[in-house]
Amino acid sequence: MTYCKFHMGQLVDHQVHGYRGVVYGVDATFNLAEQQYQHLINAQVEMLQPWYLVMVDGSNKLAYIAESNLLVSTDHEHIEHPMLALVFTHFNGERYFLNESIH
């Protein structure tokens, strides 16, 4: 069993690229095609670690990020993303809560 450090609705920071976002999905290991892995990774990042789907704050971008590239965000402001209301119902000042009707 794989332990995942981050959870759905948690605010995170990308430690390499510096952007902030909210986790909306998780895979126990890399779960895309090998070609996509090579496209996503410039440096060696282990495929056999949890990978997270993240809505990037202040944009319409979605990111697929290895656990080793994420940090817990210390910024507890709301995330701005057009898909936010489709996945989450509310924000309590620390995390977002999933819209259970879509999961």
Protein backbone atom coordinates (compact mmCIF):
# COMPACT_ATOMS: atom_id res chain seq x y z
CA MET A 1 0.00 0.00 0.00
CA THR A 2 1.26 3.45 -0.93
CA TYR A 3 1.09 6.28 1.59
CA CYS A 4 0.11 9.62 0.04
CA LYS A 5 1.43 12.70 1.80
CA PHE A 6 -1.21 15.08 0.40
CA HIS A 7 -5.00 14.75 0.26
CA MET A 8 -7.88 15.96 -1.88
CA GLY A 9 -8.64 19.62 -1.24
CA GLN A 10 -5.24 20.40 0.26
CA LEU A 11 -3.37 23.56 -0.76
CA VAL A 12 0.10 22.84 -2.11
CA ASP A 13 3.08 24.68 -3.60
CA HIS A 14 5.25 23.38 -6.44
CA GLN A 15 8.75 23.55 -4.97
CA VAL A 16 10.49 23.86 -8.36
CA HIS A 17 8.17 26.17 -10.33
CA GLY A 18 6.75 28.12 -7.38
CA TYR A 19 3.06 28.03 -8.24
CA ARG A 20 0.28 27.25 -5.79
CA GLY A 21 -2.73 25.02 -6.26
CA VAL A 22 -5.24 22.60 -4.80
CA VAL A 23 -5.10 18.80 -5.05
CA TYR A 24 -8.13 17.33 -6.83
CA GLY A 25 -6.86 13.84 -7.60
CA VAL A 26 -4.13 11.37 -6.70
CA ASP A 27 -2.52 8.30 -8.27
CA ALA A 28 -0.45 5.90 -6.16
CA THR A 29 2.16 5.85 -8.95
CA PHE A 30 2.57 7.60 -12.32
CA ASN A 31 -0.54 6.71 -14.32
CA LEU A 32 -0.08 8.28 -17.76
CA ALA A 33 1.62 6.95 -20.91
CA GLU A 34 5.42 6.63 -20.93
CA GLN A 35 5.67 9.36 -23.61
CA GLN A 36 3.82 11.76 -21.32
CA TYR A 37 6.22 10.92 -18.49
CA GLN A 38 9.20 11.83 -20.68
CA HIS A 39 7.46 15.05 -21.72
CA LEU A 40 6.62 16.06 -18.12
CA ILE A 41 9.98 15.36 -16.58
CA ASN A 42 13.18 17.28 -17.25
CA ALA A 43 15.04 15.85 -14.27
CA GLN A 44 14.85 12.32 -12.92
CA VAL A 45 11.68 11.98 -10.87
CA GLU A 46 10.65 8.57 -9.64
CA MET A 47 7.53 7.16 -11.30
CA LEU A 48 6.87 4.87 -8.32
CA GLN A 49 5.72 7.58 -5.94
CA PRO A 50 2.32 9.26 -5.61
CA TRP A 51 1.39 11.75 -8.35
CA TYR A 52 -1.20 14.48 -7.85
CA LEU A 53 -3.67 16.29 -10.07
CA VAL A 54 -3.52 19.97 -9.12
CA MET A 55 -5.60 22.98 -10.16
CA VAL A 56 -3.10 25.82 -10.59
CA ASP A 57 -4.09 29.04 -8.81
CA GLY A 58 -4.78 32.10 -10.95
CA SER A 59 -5.04 30.18 -14.23
CA ASN A 60 -7.10 27.58 -16.05
CA LYS A 61 -4.19 25.11 -15.98
CA LEU A 62 -4.20 21.62 -14.51
CA ALA A 63 -0.94 19.96 -13.49
CA TYR A 64 0.17 16.37 -12.84
CA ILE A 65 2.92 16.58 -10.21
CA ALA A 66 5.14 14.05 -8.43
CA GLU A 67 4.88 14.07 -4.64
CA SER A 68 8.58 14.91 -4.32
CA ASN A 69 7.91 18.24 -6.08
CA LEU A 70 5.15 19.39 -3.72
CA LEU A 71 5.13 21.18 -0.39
CA VAL A 72 2.25 22.04 1.95
CA SER A 73 1.24 25.63 1.15
CA THR A 74 1.53 28.18 3.93
CA ASP A 75 -0.76 30.52 1.96
CA HIS A 76 -4.35 29.86 3.04
CA GLU A 77 -6.08 32.26 0.64
CA HIS A 78 -8.75 31.02 -1.79
CA ILE A 79 -7.63 29.44 -5.05
CA GLU A 80 -8.81 31.06 -8.29
CA HIS A 81 -9.56 28.40 -10.91
CA PRO A 82 -12.53 27.98 -13.29
CA MET A 83 -13.06 24.30 -12.36
CA LEU A 84 -12.98 24.82 -8.59
CA ALA A 85 -16.77 24.94 -8.06
CA LEU A 86 -17.23 21.78 -10.14
CA VAL A 87 -15.07 19.69 -7.82
CA PHE A 88 -15.33 21.35 -4.41
CA THR A 89 -18.25 22.71 -2.38
CA HIS A 90 -16.56 25.05 0.10
CA PHE A 91 -13.31 26.23 1.68
CA ASN A 92 -12.80 26.35 5.46
CA GLY A 93 -9.68 28.55 5.45
CA GLU A 94 -7.32 25.56 5.27
CA ARG A 95 -8.72 23.13 2.69
CA TYR A 96 -11.45 22.60 0.13
CA PHE A 97 -14.19 20.01 0.57
CA LEU A 98 -15.15 17.67 -2.25
CA ASN A 99 -18.48 17.84 -3.99
CA GLU A 100 -19.57 14.30 -3.07
CA SER A 101 -22.18 14.22 -5.85
CA ILE A 102 -19.44 13.90 -8.50
CA HIS A 103 -17.25 11.30 -6.76
